[in-house]
Amino acid sequence: EANADAEHKGFCDKELGESKVTRTKLTESIDGLTADIEGGKASITQMTEDIAQLSEDIAALDVSVKEATGIRVAEKEKN
């Protein structure tokens, strides 16, 4: 019976050790993925700001093009 208990304890110790290693690896994976998610969120935020700025720039360019076109049409009519 003592031998069986020793074998059982050995088995349990081995399984606990393997579980700790697996848990550590999985925790590291989760930490890495969490960091990737946070980096992705930061990228999304930055790109959203960039899109907003670029949209404003495009709108300003559209206004400038319309003004320039109007000036050219007026000058063409004079000539």
N, C-alpha and C. Protein backbone atom coordinates (compact mmCIF):
# COMPACT_ATOMS: atom_id res chain seq x y z
N GLU A 1 0.82 -1.20 0.00
CA GLU A 1 0.00 0.00 0.00
C GLU A 1 0.87 1.26 0.00
N ALA A 2 1.94 1.24 0.73
CA ALA A 2 2.86 2.38 0.76
C ALA A 2 3.44 2.63 -0.62
N ASN A 3 3.74 1.54 -1.32
CA ASN A 3 4.28 1.66 -2.67
C ASN A 3 3.24 2.28 -3.61
N ALA A 4 2.00 1.89 -3.48
CA ALA A 4 0.92 2.43 -4.31
C ALA A 4 0.72 3.91 -4.03
N ASP A 5 0.79 4.26 -2.73
CA ASP A 5 0.66 5.67 -2.36
C ASP A 5 1.81 6.49 -2.94
N ALA A 6 3.00 5.95 -2.90
CA ALA A 6 4.17 6.65 -3.45
C ALA A 6 4.02 6.83 -4.96
N GLU A 7 3.54 5.78 -5.61
CA GLU A 7 3.33 5.89 -7.07
C GLU A 7 2.27 6.93 -7.38
N HIS A 8 1.20 6.93 -6.61
CA HIS A 8 0.11 7.89 -6.81
C HIS A 8 0.61 9.31 -6.59
N LYS A 9 1.39 9.49 -5.52
CA LYS A 9 1.95 10.82 -5.23
C LYS A 9 2.88 11.24 -6.37
N GLY A 10 3.69 10.34 -6.87
CA GLY A 10 4.58 10.64 -7.98
C GLY A 10 3.80 11.06 -9.22
N PHE A 11 2.74 10.33 -9.50
CA PHE A 11 1.89 10.66 -10.64
C PHE A 11 1.28 12.05 -10.48
N CYS A 12 0.76 12.31 -9.28
CA CYS A 12 0.12 13.61 -9.02
C CYS A 12 1.14 14.74 -9.13
N ASP A 13 2.32 14.53 -8.57
CA ASP A 13 3.36 15.56 -8.64
C ASP A 13 3.75 15.84 -10.10
N LYS A 14 3.86 14.78 -10.89
CA LYS A 14 4.20 14.93 -12.31
C LYS A 14 3.11 15.71 -13.04
N GLU A 15 1.85 15.35 -12.81
CA GLU A 15 0.73 16.02 -13.47
C GLU A 15 0.64 17.49 -13.05
N LEU A 16 0.86 17.76 -11.76
CA LEU A 16 0.84 19.14 -11.28
C LEU A 16 1.94 19.95 -11.94
N GLY A 17 3.11 19.37 -12.06
CA GLY A 17 4.22 20.06 -12.71
C GLY A 17 3.91 20.37 -14.16
N GLU A 18 3.35 19.39 -14.88
CA GLU A 18 2.99 19.60 -16.28
C GLU A 18 1.90 20.66 -16.40
N SER A 19 0.95 20.64 -15.48
CA SER A 19 -0.14 21.62 -15.50
C SER A 19 0.41 23.03 -15.27
N LYS A 20 1.37 23.16 -14.36
CA LYS A 20 1.96 24.48 -14.10
C LYS A 20 2.69 25.00 -15.34
N VAL A 21 3.43 24.11 -16.01
CA VAL A 21 4.15 24.50 -17.22
C VAL A 21 3.16 24.94 -18.30
N THR A 22 2.11 24.14 -18.47
CA THR A 22 1.09 24.46 -19.48
C THR A 22 0.41 25.78 -19.14
N ARG A 23 0.06 25.96 -17.88
CA ARG A 23 -0.60 27.20 -17.45
C ARG A 23 0.31 28.40 -17.69
N THR A 24 1.60 28.25 -17.39
CA THR A 24 2.55 29.34 -17.60
C THR A 24 2.64 29.70 -19.08
N LYS A 25 2.74 28.68 -19.94
CA LYS A 25 2.82 28.94 -21.38
C LYS A 25 1.55 29.62 -21.88
N LEU A 26 0.40 29.14 -21.42
CA LEU A 26 -0.86 29.73 -21.86
C LEU A 26 -1.01 31.16 -21.35
N THR A 27 -0.57 31.41 -20.14
CA THR A 27 -0.62 32.76 -19.58
C THR A 27 0.26 33.70 -20.40
N GLU A 28 1.44 33.23 -20.78
CA GLU A 28 2.32 34.04 -21.62
C GLU A 28 1.67 34.31 -22.97
N SER A 29 1.02 33.31 -23.53
CA SER A 29 0.32 33.50 -24.81
C SER A 29 -0.79 34.52 -24.67
N ILE A 30 -1.55 34.41 -23.60
CA ILE A 30 -2.64 35.37 -23.35
C ILE A 30 -2.09 36.77 -23.20
N ASP A 31 -1.00 36.91 -22.45
CA ASP A 31 -0.39 38.23 -22.26
C ASP A 31 0.06 38.81 -23.60
N GLY A 32 0.66 37.97 -24.43
CA GLY A 32 1.09 38.43 -25.74
C GLY A 32 -0.07 38.84 -26.62
N LEU A 33 -1.13 38.04 -26.61
CA LEU A 33 -2.31 38.36 -27.41
C LEU A 33 -3.00 39.62 -26.90
N THR A 34 -3.02 39.78 -25.59
CA THR A 34 -3.62 40.99 -25.01
C THR A 34 -2.83 42.21 -25.45
N ALA A 35 -1.51 42.11 -25.45
CA ALA A 35 -0.68 43.21 -25.92
C ALA A 35 -0.95 43.50 -27.40
N ASP A 36 -1.11 42.45 -28.20
CA ASP A 36 -1.42 42.63 -29.62
C ASP A 36 -2.77 43.33 -29.79
N ILE A 37 -3.75 42.96 -28.99
CA ILE A 37 -5.07 43.59 -29.06
C ILE A 37 -4.96 45.07 -28.72
N GLU A 38 -4.24 45.38 -27.66
CA GLU A 38 -4.07 46.78 -27.27
C GLU A 38 -3.36 47.57 -28.36
N GLY A 39 -2.35 46.95 -28.97
CA GLY A 39 -1.66 47.60 -30.07
C GLY A 39 -2.59 47.84 -31.25
N GLY A 40 -3.45 46.85 -31.53
CA GLY A 40 -4.44 47.00 -32.60
C GLY A 40 -5.43 48.11 -32.31
N LYS A 41 -5.87 48.20 -31.07
CA LYS A 41 -6.80 49.26 -30.69
C LYS A 41 -6.15 50.63 -30.85
N ALA A 42 -4.88 50.73 -30.47
CA ALA A 42 -4.16 52.00 -30.63
C ALA A 42 -4.03 52.35 -32.11
N SER A 43 -3.77 51.35 -32.94
CA SER A 43 -3.68 51.59 -34.38
C SER A 43 -5.01 52.06 -34.95
N ILE A 44 -6.09 51.43 -34.51
CA ILE A 44 -7.42 51.83 -34.97
C ILE A 44 -7.70 53.27 -34.59
N THR A 45 -7.38 53.63 -33.36
CA THR A 45 -7.60 55.00 -32.89
C THR A 45 -6.80 55.98 -33.74
N GLN A 46 -5.53 55.67 -33.97
CA GLN A 46 -4.67 56.56 -34.77
C GLN A 46 -5.18 56.67 -36.20
N MET A 47 -5.57 55.54 -36.78
CA MET A 47 -6.06 55.57 -38.16
C MET A 47 -7.38 56.32 -38.27
N THR A 48 -8.22 56.21 -37.26
CA THR A 48 -9.48 56.95 -37.25
C THR A 48 -9.21 58.45 -37.24
N GLU A 49 -8.24 58.86 -36.42
CA GLU A 49 -7.86 60.27 -36.38
C GLU A 49 -7.27 60.70 -37.72
N ASP A 50 -6.44 59.85 -38.31
CA ASP A 50 -5.85 60.16 -39.62
C ASP A 50 -6.93 60.32 -40.68
N ILE A 51 -7.91 59.42 -40.67
CA ILE A 51 -9.00 59.49 -41.64
C ILE A 51 -9.78 60.80 -41.48
N ALA A 52 -10.04 61.18 -40.24
CA ALA A 52 -10.77 62.42 -40.00
C ALA A 52 -9.98 63.62 -40.54
N GLN A 53 -8.69 63.63 -40.27
CA GLN A 53 -7.85 64.73 -40.75
C GLN A 53 -7.79 64.74 -42.28
N LEU A 54 -7.61 63.58 -42.87
CA LEU A 54 -7.55 63.49 -44.33
C LEU A 54 -8.88 63.90 -44.97
N SER A 55 -9.98 63.56 -44.33
CA SER A 55 -11.29 63.96 -44.83
C SER A 55 -11.43 65.48 -44.83
N GLU A 56 -10.95 66.11 -43.76
CA GLU A 56 -10.96 67.57 -43.70
C GLU A 56 -10.09 68.16 -44.80
N ASP A 57 -8.92 67.57 -45.01
CA ASP A 57 -8.01 68.05 -46.05
C ASP A 57 -8.64 67.92 -47.43
N ILE A 58 -9.32 66.81 -47.68
CA ILE A 58 -9.99 66.60 -48.96
C ILE A 58 -11.09 67.64 -49.16
N ALA A 59 -11.85 67.90 -48.11
CA ALA A 59 -12.92 68.90 -48.21
C ALA A 59 -12.33 70.27 -48.53
N ALA A 60 -11.22 70.62 -47.89
CA ALA A 60 -10.57 71.90 -48.17
C ALA A 60 -10.06 71.96 -49.61
N LEU A 61 -9.51 70.85 -50.09
CA LEU A 61 -9.05 70.80 -51.48
C LEU A 61 -10.21 70.92 -52.45
N ASP A 62 -11.32 70.30 -52.14
CA ASP A 62 -12.51 70.42 -53.00
C ASP A 62 -12.96 71.87 -53.10
N VAL A 63 -12.95 72.58 -51.98
CA VAL A 63 -13.32 74.00 -51.98
C VAL A 63 -12.34 74.79 -52.84
N SER A 64 -11.06 74.52 -52.68
CA SER A 64 -10.04 75.22 -53.47
C SER A 64 -10.19 74.96 -54.96
N VAL A 65 -10.48 73.71 -55.31
CA VAL A 65 -10.67 73.36 -56.72
C VAL A 65 -11.88 74.09 -57.29
N LYS A 66 -12.96 74.14 -56.52
CA LYS A 66 -14.16 74.85 -56.99
C LYS A 66 -13.86 76.33 -57.19
N GLU A 67 -13.15 76.93 -56.24
CA GLU A 67 -12.80 78.34 -56.36
C GLU A 67 -11.91 78.58 -57.58
N ALA A 68 -10.90 77.73 -57.75
CA ALA A 68 -10.00 77.88 -58.89
C ALA A 68 -10.74 77.69 -60.20
N THR A 69 -11.66 76.74 -60.23
CA THR A 69 -12.44 76.51 -61.44
C THR A 69 -13.31 77.73 -61.74
N GLY A 70 -13.91 78.29 -60.71
CA GLY A 70 -14.72 79.50 -60.89
C GLY A 70 -13.90 80.66 -61.43
N ILE A 71 -12.70 80.83 -60.91
CA ILE A 71 -11.81 81.90 -61.38
C ILE A 71 -11.45 81.66 -62.84
N ARG A 72 -11.11 80.43 -63.19
CA ARG A 72 -10.75 80.13 -64.57
C ARG A 72 -11.91 80.35 -65.53
N VAL A 73 -13.09 79.94 -65.11
CA VAL A 73 -14.29 80.16 -65.95
C VAL A 73 -14.52 81.66 -66.16
N ALA A 74 -14.40 82.45 -65.09
CA ALA A 74 -14.59 83.90 -65.19
C ALA A 74 -13.55 84.52 -66.11
N GLU A 75 -12.30 84.09 -65.99
CA GLU A 75 -11.24 84.64 -66.84
C GLU A 75 -11.45 84.22 -68.30
N LYS A 76 -11.92 83.03 -68.50
CA LYS A 76 -12.17 82.54 -69.86
C LYS A 76 -13.29 83.35 -70.50
N GLU A 77 -14.32 83.71 -69.72
CA GLU A 77 -15.43 84.50 -70.24
C GLU A 77 -14.97 85.92 -70.60
N LYS A 78 -14.02 86.45 -69.84
CA LYS A 78 -13.49 87.78 -70.13
C LYS A 78 -12.72 87.77 -71.45
N ASN A 79 -12.01 86.68 -71.69
CA ASN A 79 -11.20 86.61 -72.91
C ASN A 79 -12.05 86.16 -74.02
